Amino acid sequence: MSKIMEGKTAIVLGVWNKWSIAYAISQAFVREGAKLILTYQNERAKPAVEELGGELGAVALVPCDVQVQSEIEQLPKSLDAAGIALDVVVHSIASANHEDLNQPFLNTSRDGFSFALNVSAYSLVALSKALSPLMASGGSIMTLTYLGSTRVVTNYNVMGVAKAALEAEVKYLASELGSKNIRVNAISAGPIKTISARGIKDFSKVLDFVAQHAPLRRNTDPAEVADTAVFLGSDLGRGVTGNILFVDAGFQIVGL
């Protein structure tokens, strides 16, 4: 069977461990023949990502803390110096202060709001600006979002606002980068039991509720999200841009 990402090079930002959505996407990309590049946030995170990259057969591992503008600016320079052009960029990065996820949204601190929006939303803009020049033949930029961007999900709080900003960015970036044949989309994944999701209070109740009420009567498998990322990153998705694609067992259609 042919590999539909053969000849493409993808950079995935946000691989932390084997349970992350970014890791599942990386696995799927490699399975479909793509060359994989991973990033790590700092020296503390490097050994773990290095080990995962080795298992995945990543061709490069580069530092990038999206809170540090100089590191974002250095990222394309490092890739260009290594003769690496890009076809696919996966932005799977989000963070908020623990205390802002465990108190009423009304009590969100100014610093906490800025932190969540900076890491979870603005980083997509900064990375798109930095990496799009390496996509000379066009390509695909994608990010990960969640239903809490448009609906109130208990305890999702400031992350919901950050994801709303992220989804608006997808549309503006798709409009501006379309002339360069660069597509920009988001995958809205259903709740998945990742390590980062544990930071959301009573997350297990969300999983139970979705499994009971989603049309498919189950939760989302990370592999389903990864296969959608393959579609967006491959030529199969060549006509899709500015979209939010739901991979959530159909839960987004459910009312009362």
C-alpha atoms as a PDB file:
ATOM      1  CA  MET A   1       0.000   0.000   0.000  1.00  0.00           C
ATOM      2  CA  SER A   2       1.326   3.437  -0.919  1.00  0.00           C
ATOM      3  CA  LYS A   3       2.294   5.893   1.798  1.00  0.00           C
ATOM      4  CA  ILE A   4       0.388   9.111   1.236  1.00  0.00           C
ATOM      5  CA  MET A   5       2.927  11.396   2.921  1.00  0.00           C
ATOM      6  CA  GLU A   6       5.967  10.007   1.120  1.00  0.00           C
ATOM      7  CA  GLY A   7       8.349  12.830   0.206  1.00  0.00           C
ATOM      8  CA  LYS A   8       6.908  15.278   2.753  1.00  0.00           C
ATOM      9  CA  THR A   9       8.691  16.734   5.769  1.00  0.00           C
ATOM     10  CA  ALA A  10       6.680  17.566   8.875  1.00  0.00           C
ATOM     11  CA  ILE A  11       7.585  19.383  12.061  1.00  0.00           C
ATOM     12  CA  VAL A  12       5.501  18.547  15.131  1.00  0.00           C
ATOM     13  CA  LEU A  13       5.565  20.870  18.130  1.00  0.00           C
ATOM     14  CA  GLY A  14       4.143  19.515  21.360  1.00  0.00           C
ATOM     15  CA  VAL A  15       5.353  15.941  21.709  1.00  0.00           C
ATOM     16  CA  TRP A  16       5.837  15.421  25.443  1.00  0.00           C
ATOM     17  CA  ASN A  17       5.132  11.728  25.999  1.00  0.00           C
ATOM     18  CA  LYS A  18       3.580   8.674  24.343  1.00  0.00           C
ATOM     19  CA  TRP A  19       0.091   9.611  25.534  1.00  0.00           C
ATOM     20  CA  SER A  20      -0.023  13.016  23.834  1.00  0.00           C
ATOM     21  CA  ILE A  21      -2.056  13.692  20.699  1.00  0.00           C
ATOM     22  CA  ALA A  22       1.104  15.107  19.121  1.00  0.00           C
ATOM     23  CA  TYR A  23       2.826  11.752  19.571  1.00  0.00           C
ATOM     24  CA  ALA A  24      -0.064   9.910  17.909  1.00  0.00           C
ATOM     25  CA  ILE A  25       0.126  12.356  14.992  1.00  0.00           C
ATOM     26  CA  SER A  26       3.884  11.853  14.727  1.00  0.00           C
ATOM     27  CA  GLN A  27       3.418   8.086  14.618  1.00  0.00           C
ATOM     28  CA  ALA A  28       0.844   8.381  11.851  1.00  0.00           C
ATOM     29  CA  PHE A  29       3.048  10.714   9.809  1.00  0.00           C
ATOM     30  CA  VAL A  30       5.978   8.301  10.000  1.00  0.00           C
ATOM     31  CA  ARG A  31       3.693   5.394   9.118  1.00  0.00           C
ATOM     32  CA  GLU A  32       2.657   7.259   5.981  1.00  0.00           C
ATOM     33  CA  GLY A  33       6.239   7.956   4.907  1.00  0.00           C
ATOM     34  CA  ALA A  34       6.851  11.532   6.120  1.00  0.00           C
ATOM     35  CA  LYS A  35      10.189  12.730   7.433  1.00  0.00           C
ATOM     36  CA  LEU A  36       9.651  13.884  11.015  1.00  0.00           C
ATOM     37  CA  ILE A  37      11.156  16.782  12.959  1.00  0.00           C
ATOM     38  CA  LEU A  38      10.390  17.265  16.649  1.00  0.00           C
ATOM     39  CA  THR A  39      10.946  20.210  18.980  1.00  0.00           C
ATOM     40  CA  TYR A  40      11.585  20.332  22.709  1.00  0.00           C
ATOM     41  CA  GLN A  41      10.882  23.184  25.106  1.00  0.00           C
ATOM     42  CA  ASN A  42      14.034  23.171  27.228  1.00  0.00           C
ATOM     43  CA  GLU A  43      16.979  21.084  28.367  1.00  0.00           C
ATOM     44  CA  ARG A  44      14.855  19.391  31.026  1.00  0.00           C
ATOM     45  CA  ALA A  45      12.425  18.159  28.379  1.00  0.00           C
ATOM     46  CA  LYS A  46      15.103  17.261  25.816  1.00  0.00           C
ATOM     47  CA  PRO A  47      16.019  13.716  27.006  1.00  0.00           C
ATOM     48  CA  ALA A  48      12.402  12.502  26.923  1.00  0.00           C
ATOM     49  CA  VAL A  49      11.696  14.004  23.490  1.00  0.00           C
ATOM     50  CA  GLU A  50      15.055  12.740  22.234  1.00  0.00           C
ATOM     51  CA  GLU A  51      14.113   9.206  23.259  1.00  0.00           C
ATOM     52  CA  LEU A  52      10.710   9.461  21.612  1.00  0.00           C
ATOM     53  CA  GLY A  53      12.275  10.933  18.488  1.00  0.00           C
ATOM     54  CA  GLY A  54      14.677   8.029  18.312  1.00  0.00           C
ATOM     55  CA  GLU A  55      11.823   5.541  18.512  1.00  0.00           C
ATOM     56  CA  LEU A  56       9.921   7.411  15.809  1.00  0.00           C
ATOM     57  CA  GLY A  57      12.935   7.804  13.541  1.00  0.00           C
ATOM     58  CA  ALA A  58      12.864  11.613  13.610  1.00  0.00           C
ATOM     59  CA  VAL A  59      15.423  13.166  11.283  1.00  0.00           C
ATOM     60  CA  ALA A  60      16.000  16.196  13.508  1.00  0.00           C
ATOM     61  CA  LEU A  61      15.352  17.467  17.021  1.00  0.00           C
ATOM     62  CA  VAL A  62      15.413  21.226  17.577  1.00  0.00           C
ATOM     63  CA  PRO A  63      14.758  23.484  20.579  1.00  0.00           C
ATOM     64  CA  CYS A  64      11.794  25.834  20.643  1.00  0.00           C
ATOM     65  CA  ASP A  65      10.164  27.414  23.658  1.00  0.00           C
ATOM     66  CA  VAL A  66       7.243  29.346  22.177  1.00  0.00           C
ATOM     67  CA  GLN A  67       7.380  31.822  25.069  1.00  0.00           C
ATOM     68  CA  VAL A  68      10.787  32.967  23.844  1.00  0.00           C
ATOM     69  CA  GLN A  69      10.588  34.949  20.597  1.00  0.00           C
ATOM     70  CA  SER A  70      14.288  34.515  19.858  1.00  0.00           C
ATOM     71  CA  GLU A  71      13.878  30.728  19.866  1.00  0.00           C
ATOM     72  CA  ILE A  72      10.959  30.946  17.442  1.00  0.00           C
ATOM     73  CA  GLU A  73      13.089  33.127  15.156  1.00  0.00           C
ATOM     74  CA  GLN A  74      16.029  30.724  15.435  1.00  0.00           C
ATOM     75  CA  LEU A  75      13.913  27.698  14.523  1.00  0.00           C
ATOM     76  CA  PRO A  76      13.677  28.361  10.745  1.00  0.00           C
ATOM     77  CA  LYS A  77      17.338  29.399  10.673  1.00  0.00           C
ATOM     78  CA  SER A  78      18.364  26.053  12.161  1.00  0.00           C
ATOM     79  CA  LEU A  79      16.206  24.118   9.717  1.00  0.00           C
ATOM     80  CA  ASP A  80      17.338  26.147   6.725  1.00  0.00           C
ATOM     81  CA  ALA A  81      20.988  25.695   7.698  1.00  0.00           C
ATOM     82  CA  ALA A  82      20.387  21.937   7.685  1.00  0.00           C
ATOM     83  CA  GLY A  83      18.829  22.170   4.227  1.00  0.00           C
ATOM     84  CA  ILE A  84      15.374  21.280   5.514  1.00  0.00           C
ATOM     85  CA  ALA A  85      12.247  22.543   3.747  1.00  0.00           C
ATOM     86  CA  LEU A  86       8.829  21.985   5.282  1.00  0.00           C
ATOM     87  CA  ASP A  87       5.534  20.666   3.976  1.00  0.00           C
ATOM     88  CA  VAL A  88       3.607  20.272   7.226  1.00  0.00           C
ATOM     89  CA  VAL A  89       3.559  22.105  10.552  1.00  0.00           C
ATOM     90  CA  VAL A  90       1.650  20.709  13.533  1.00  0.00           C
ATOM     91  CA  HIS A  91       0.992  23.102  16.420  1.00  0.00           C
ATOM     92  CA  SER A  92      -0.063  20.985  19.398  1.00  0.00           C
ATOM     93  CA  ILE A  93       0.778  23.389  22.198  1.00  0.00           C
ATOM     94  CA  ALA A  94      -1.465  24.733  24.944  1.00  0.00           C
ATOM     95  CA  SER A  95      -1.041  25.689  28.566  1.00  0.00           C
ATOM     96  CA  ALA A  96      -2.760  27.561  31.375  1.00  0.00           C
ATOM     97  CA  ASN A  97      -1.982  28.088  35.027  1.00  0.00           C
ATOM     98  CA  HIS A  98      -3.381  25.304  37.188  1.00  0.00           C
ATOM     99  CA  GLU A  99      -5.104  27.756  39.516  1.00  0.00           C
ATOM    100  CA  ASP A 100      -6.927  29.371  36.600  1.00  0.00           C
ATOM    101  CA  LEU A 101      -8.414  25.999  35.667  1.00  0.00           C
ATOM    102  CA  ASN A 102      -9.557  25.273  39.199  1.00  0.00           C
ATOM    103  CA  GLN A 103     -11.473  28.398  40.082  1.00  0.00           C
ATOM    104  CA  PRO A 104     -14.389  30.300  38.534  1.00  0.00           C
ATOM    105  CA  PHE A 105     -13.522  31.912  35.199  1.00  0.00           C
ATOM    106  CA  LEU A 106     -14.533  35.250  36.726  1.00  0.00           C
ATOM    107  CA  ASN A 107     -11.467  35.012  38.962  1.00  0.00           C
ATOM    108  CA  THR A 108      -8.963  34.505  36.142  1.00  0.00           C
ATOM    109  CA  SER A 109      -5.895  36.593  36.843  1.00  0.00           C
ATOM    110  CA  ARG A 110      -4.556  39.091  34.310  1.00  0.00           C
ATOM    111  CA  ASP A 111      -1.213  37.285  34.237  1.00  0.00           C
ATOM    112  CA  GLY A 112      -2.925  33.921  33.899  1.00  0.00           C
ATOM    113  CA  PHE A 113      -5.054  35.170  31.011  1.00  0.00           C
ATOM    114  CA  SER A 114      -1.999  36.559  29.223  1.00  0.00           C
ATOM    115  CA  PHE A 115      -0.062  33.341  29.776  1.00  0.00           C
ATOM    116  CA  ALA A 116      -2.814  31.096  28.401  1.00  0.00           C
ATOM    117  CA  LEU A 117      -3.403  33.268  25.334  1.00  0.00           C
ATOM    118  CA  ASN A 118       0.314  33.690  24.662  1.00  0.00           C
ATOM    119  CA  VAL A 119       1.223  29.996  24.798  1.00  0.00           C
ATOM    120  CA  SER A 120      -1.989  28.483  23.451  1.00  0.00           C
ATOM    121  CA  ALA A 121      -2.971  30.994  20.780  1.00  0.00           C
ATOM    122  CA  TYR A 122      -0.365  33.597  19.856  1.00  0.00           C
ATOM    123  CA  SER A 123       2.265  30.892  19.389  1.00  0.00           C
ATOM    124  CA  LEU A 124       0.424  29.709  16.267  1.00  0.00           C
ATOM    125  CA  VAL A 125       0.736  33.171  14.722  1.00  0.00           C
ATOM    126  CA  ALA A 126       4.416  33.467  15.611  1.00  0.00           C
ATOM    127  CA  LEU A 127       5.257  29.985  14.341  1.00  0.00           C
ATOM    128  CA  SER A 128       3.301  30.451  11.116  1.00  0.00           C
ATOM    129  CA  LYS A 129       5.219  33.649  10.414  1.00  0.00           C
ATOM    130  CA  ALA A 130       8.545  31.981  11.165  1.00  0.00           C
ATOM    131  CA  LEU A 131       8.016  28.675   9.362  1.00  0.00           C
ATOM    132  CA  SER A 132       5.859  29.553   6.342  1.00  0.00           C
ATOM    133  CA  PRO A 133       8.913  30.849   4.372  1.00  0.00           C
ATOM    134  CA  LEU A 134      10.269  27.279   4.534  1.00  0.00           C
ATOM    135  CA  MET A 135       7.130  26.044   2.765  1.00  0.00           C
ATOM    136  CA  ALA A 136       8.117  27.289  -0.679  1.00  0.00           C
ATOM    137  CA  SER A 137       5.954  24.731  -2.471  1.00  0.00           C
ATOM    138  CA  GLY A 138       2.994  25.274  -0.197  1.00  0.00           C
ATOM    139  CA  GLY A 139       1.821  22.913   2.482  1.00  0.00           C
ATOM    140  CA  SER A 140      -0.319  22.459   5.543  1.00  0.00           C
ATOM    141  CA  ILE A 141      -0.334  24.107   8.973  1.00  0.00           C
ATOM    142  CA  MET A 142      -2.637  22.594  11.575  1.00  0.00           C
ATOM    143  CA  THR A 143      -3.443  23.056  15.230  1.00  0.00           C
ATOM    144  CA  LEU A 144      -5.502  21.295  17.901  1.00  0.00           C
ATOM    145  CA  THR A 145      -8.605  22.787  19.470  1.00  0.00           C
ATOM    146  CA  TYR A 146     -11.617  21.714  21.524  1.00  0.00           C
ATOM    147  CA  LEU A 147     -15.368  22.264  21.776  1.00  0.00           C
ATOM    148  CA  GLY A 148     -14.827  24.464  24.841  1.00  0.00           C
ATOM    149  CA  SER A 149     -13.957  27.248  22.387  1.00  0.00           C
ATOM    150  CA  THR A 150     -17.617  27.788  21.519  1.00  0.00           C
ATOM    151  CA  ARG A 151     -19.522  26.124  24.346  1.00  0.00           C
ATOM    152  CA  VAL A 152     -19.174  26.399  28.087  1.00  0.00           C
ATOM    153  CA  VAL A 153     -17.368  23.313  29.388  1.00  0.00           C
ATOM    154  CA  THR A 154     -17.211  23.274  33.174  1.00  0.00           C
ATOM    155  CA  ASN A 155     -13.682  23.924  34.487  1.00  0.00           C
ATOM    156  CA  TYR A 156     -12.223  24.555  31.014  1.00  0.00           C
ATOM    157  CA  ASN A 157     -12.326  28.265  31.803  1.00  0.00           C
ATOM    158  CA  VAL A 158      -9.535  30.398  30.314  1.00  0.00           C
ATOM    159  CA  MET A 159      -8.497  27.582  27.971  1.00  0.00           C
ATOM    160  CA  GLY A 160     -11.864  27.919  26.268  1.00  0.00           C
ATOM    161  CA  VAL A 161     -11.152  31.577  25.567  1.00  0.00           C
ATOM    162  CA  ALA A 162      -7.662  30.713  24.318  1.00  0.00           C
ATOM    163  CA  LYS A 163      -9.065  28.071  21.965  1.00  0.00           C
ATOM    164  CA  ALA A 164     -11.654  30.560  20.668  1.00  0.00           C
ATOM    165  CA  ALA A 165      -8.805  32.925  19.784  1.00  0.00           C
ATOM    166  CA  LEU A 166      -6.897  30.044  18.208  1.00  0.00           C
ATOM    167  CA  GLU A 167      -9.816  29.139  15.949  1.00  0.00           C
ATOM    168  CA  ALA A 168     -10.214  32.745  14.810  1.00  0.00           C
ATOM    169  CA  GLU A 169      -6.502  32.803  13.994  1.00  0.00           C
ATOM    170  CA  VAL A 170      -6.897  29.709  11.808  1.00  0.00           C
ATOM    171  CA  LYS A 171      -9.313  31.608   9.571  1.00  0.00           C
ATOM    172  CA  TYR A 172      -7.214  34.763   9.320  1.00  0.00           C
ATOM    173  CA  LEU A 173      -4.025  32.797   8.678  1.00  0.00           C
ATOM    174  CA  ALA A 174      -5.760  30.652   6.069  1.00  0.00           C
ATOM    175  CA  SER A 175      -6.869  33.804   4.269  1.00  0.00           C
ATOM    176  CA  GLU A 176      -3.418  35.388   4.281  1.00  0.00           C
ATOM    177  CA  LEU A 177      -1.364  32.273   3.495  1.00  0.00           C
ATOM    178  CA  GLY A 178      -3.676  30.838   0.850  1.00  0.00           C
ATOM    179  CA  SER A 179      -1.958  32.780  -1.919  1.00  0.00           C
ATOM    180  CA  LYS A 180       1.204  30.833  -1.061  1.00  0.00           C
ATOM    181  CA  ASN A 181      -0.680  27.544  -1.324  1.00  0.00           C
ATOM    182  CA  ILE A 182      -0.399  27.058   2.431  1.00  0.00           C
ATOM    183  CA  ARG A 183      -3.500  25.654   4.077  1.00  0.00           C
ATOM    184  CA  VAL A 184      -4.348  26.309   7.735  1.00  0.00           C
ATOM    185  CA  ASN A 185      -6.842  24.185   9.665  1.00  0.00           C
ATOM    186  CA  ALA A 186      -7.687  23.012  13.163  1.00  0.00           C
ATOM    187  CA  ILE A 187      -8.756  19.619  14.449  1.00  0.00           C
ATOM    188  CA  SER A 188     -11.281  19.807  17.267  1.00  0.00           C
ATOM    189  CA  ALA A 189     -10.642  16.582  19.126  1.00  0.00           C
ATOM    190  CA  GLY A 190     -12.988  15.110  21.666  1.00  0.00           C
ATOM    191  CA  PRO A 191     -11.745  14.783  25.253  1.00  0.00           C
ATOM    192  CA  ILE A 192      -8.822  12.361  25.447  1.00  0.00           C
ATOM    193  CA  LYS A 193      -7.138  11.044  28.561  1.00  0.00           C
ATOM    194  CA  THR A 194      -3.754  12.759  28.169  1.00  0.00           C
ATOM    195  CA  ILE A 195      -1.445  13.842  30.965  1.00  0.00           C
ATOM    196  CA  SER A 196      -2.182  17.518  30.276  1.00  0.00           C
ATOM    197  CA  ALA A 197      -5.937  16.861  30.455  1.00  0.00           C
ATOM    198  CA  ARG A 198      -5.510  15.791  34.060  1.00  0.00           C
ATOM    199  CA  GLY A 199      -5.042  19.469  34.899  1.00  0.00           C
ATOM    200  CA  ILE A 200      -8.746  20.035  34.231  1.00  0.00           C
ATOM    201  CA  LYS A 201     -10.821  19.507  37.352  1.00  0.00           C
ATOM    202  CA  ASP A 202     -13.250  16.553  37.198  1.00  0.00           C
ATOM    203  CA  PHE A 203     -12.033  15.615  33.729  1.00  0.00           C
ATOM    204  CA  SER A 204     -13.107  12.007  34.235  1.00  0.00           C
ATOM    205  CA  LYS A 205     -16.720  13.211  34.468  1.00  0.00           C
ATOM    206  CA  VAL A 206     -16.355  14.855  31.051  1.00  0.00           C
ATOM    207  CA  LEU A 207     -15.122  11.563  29.585  1.00  0.00           C
ATOM    208  CA  ASP A 208     -18.027   9.667  31.114  1.00  0.00           C
ATOM    209  CA  PHE A 209     -20.608  12.177  29.895  1.00  0.00           C
ATOM    210  CA  VAL A 210     -19.283  12.201  26.326  1.00  0.00           C
ATOM    211  CA  ALA A 211     -19.167   8.399  26.181  1.00  0.00           C
ATOM    212  CA  GLN A 212     -22.809   8.279  27.244  1.00  0.00           C
ATOM    213  CA  HIS A 213     -24.123  11.018  24.946  1.00  0.00           C
ATOM    214  CA  ALA A 214     -21.961  11.162  21.799  1.00  0.00           C
ATOM    215  CA  PRO A 215     -23.680   9.636  18.740  1.00  0.00           C
ATOM    216  CA  LEU A 216     -21.014   6.906  18.577  1.00  0.00           C
ATOM    217  CA  ARG A 217     -21.419   6.290  22.337  1.00  0.00           C
ATOM    218  CA  ARG A 218     -17.708   6.374  23.032  1.00  0.00           C
ATOM    219  CA  ASN A 219     -14.772   8.680  23.529  1.00  0.00           C
ATOM    220  CA  THR A 220     -12.234   9.733  20.914  1.00  0.00           C
ATOM    221  CA  ASP A 221      -9.215   7.574  20.084  1.00  0.00           C
ATOM    222  CA  PRO A 222      -5.964   9.547  19.559  1.00  0.00           C
ATOM    223  CA  ALA A 223      -5.366   7.478  16.418  1.00  0.00           C
ATOM    224  CA  GLU A 224      -8.545   8.945  14.893  1.00  0.00           C
ATOM    225  CA  VAL A 225      -7.205  12.449  15.411  1.00  0.00           C
ATOM    226  CA  ALA A 226      -3.859  11.376  13.971  1.00  0.00           C
ATOM    227  CA  ASP A 227      -5.456   9.969  10.822  1.00  0.00           C
ATOM    228  CA  THR A 228      -7.312  13.246  10.322  1.00  0.00           C
ATOM    229  CA  ALA A 229      -3.971  15.045  10.630  1.00  0.00           C
ATOM    230  CA  VAL A 230      -2.605  12.738   7.917  1.00  0.00           C
ATOM    231  CA  PHE A 231      -5.524  13.729   5.677  1.00  0.00           C
ATOM    232  CA  LEU A 232      -4.840  17.431   6.250  1.00  0.00           C
ATOM    233  CA  GLY A 233      -1.103  17.036   5.791  1.00  0.00           C
ATOM    234  CA  SER A 234      -1.324  14.948   2.645  1.00  0.00           C
ATOM    235  CA  ASP A 235      -2.492  15.861  -0.840  1.00  0.00           C
ATOM    236  CA  LEU A 236      -5.887  14.364   0.023  1.00  0.00           C
ATOM    237  CA  GLY A 237      -6.604  17.550   1.959  1.00  0.00           C
ATOM    238  CA  ARG A 238      -5.354  19.901  -0.742  1.00  0.00           C
ATOM    239  CA  GLY A 239      -8.682  21.741  -1.033  1.00  0.00           C
ATOM    240  CA  VAL A 240      -9.342  22.153   2.688  1.00  0.00           C
ATOM    241  CA  THR A 241      -8.356  25.345   4.491  1.00  0.00           C
ATOM    242  CA  GLY A 242      -9.721  27.642   7.172  1.00  0.00           C
ATOM    243  CA  ASN A 243     -11.738  24.804   8.696  1.00  0.00           C
ATOM    244  CA  ILE A 244     -12.337  23.333  12.122  1.00  0.00           C
ATOM    245  CA  LEU A 245     -12.643  19.562  11.645  1.00  0.00           C
ATOM    246  CA  PHE A 246     -14.376  17.742  14.494  1.00  0.00           C
ATOM    247  CA  VAL A 247     -13.057  14.343  15.520  1.00  0.00           C
ATOM    248  CA  ASP A 248     -15.130  13.734  18.634  1.00  0.00           C
ATOM    249  CA  ALA A 249     -17.433  10.755  18.014  1.00  0.00           C
ATOM    250  CA  GLY A 250     -20.060  13.285  16.900  1.00  0.00           C
ATOM    251  CA  PHE A 251     -20.484  14.966  20.270  1.00  0.00           C
ATOM    252  CA  GLN A 252     -20.463  18.476  18.751  1.00  0.00           C
ATOM    253  CA  ILE A 253     -23.940  17.927  17.270  1.00  0.00           C
ATOM    254  CA  VAL A 254     -25.557  17.025  20.581  1.00  0.00           C
ATOM    255  CA  GLY A 255     -27.915  19.439  22.354  1.00  0.00           C
ATOM    256  CA  LEU A 256     -29.983  18.395  25.356  1.00  0.00           C
END
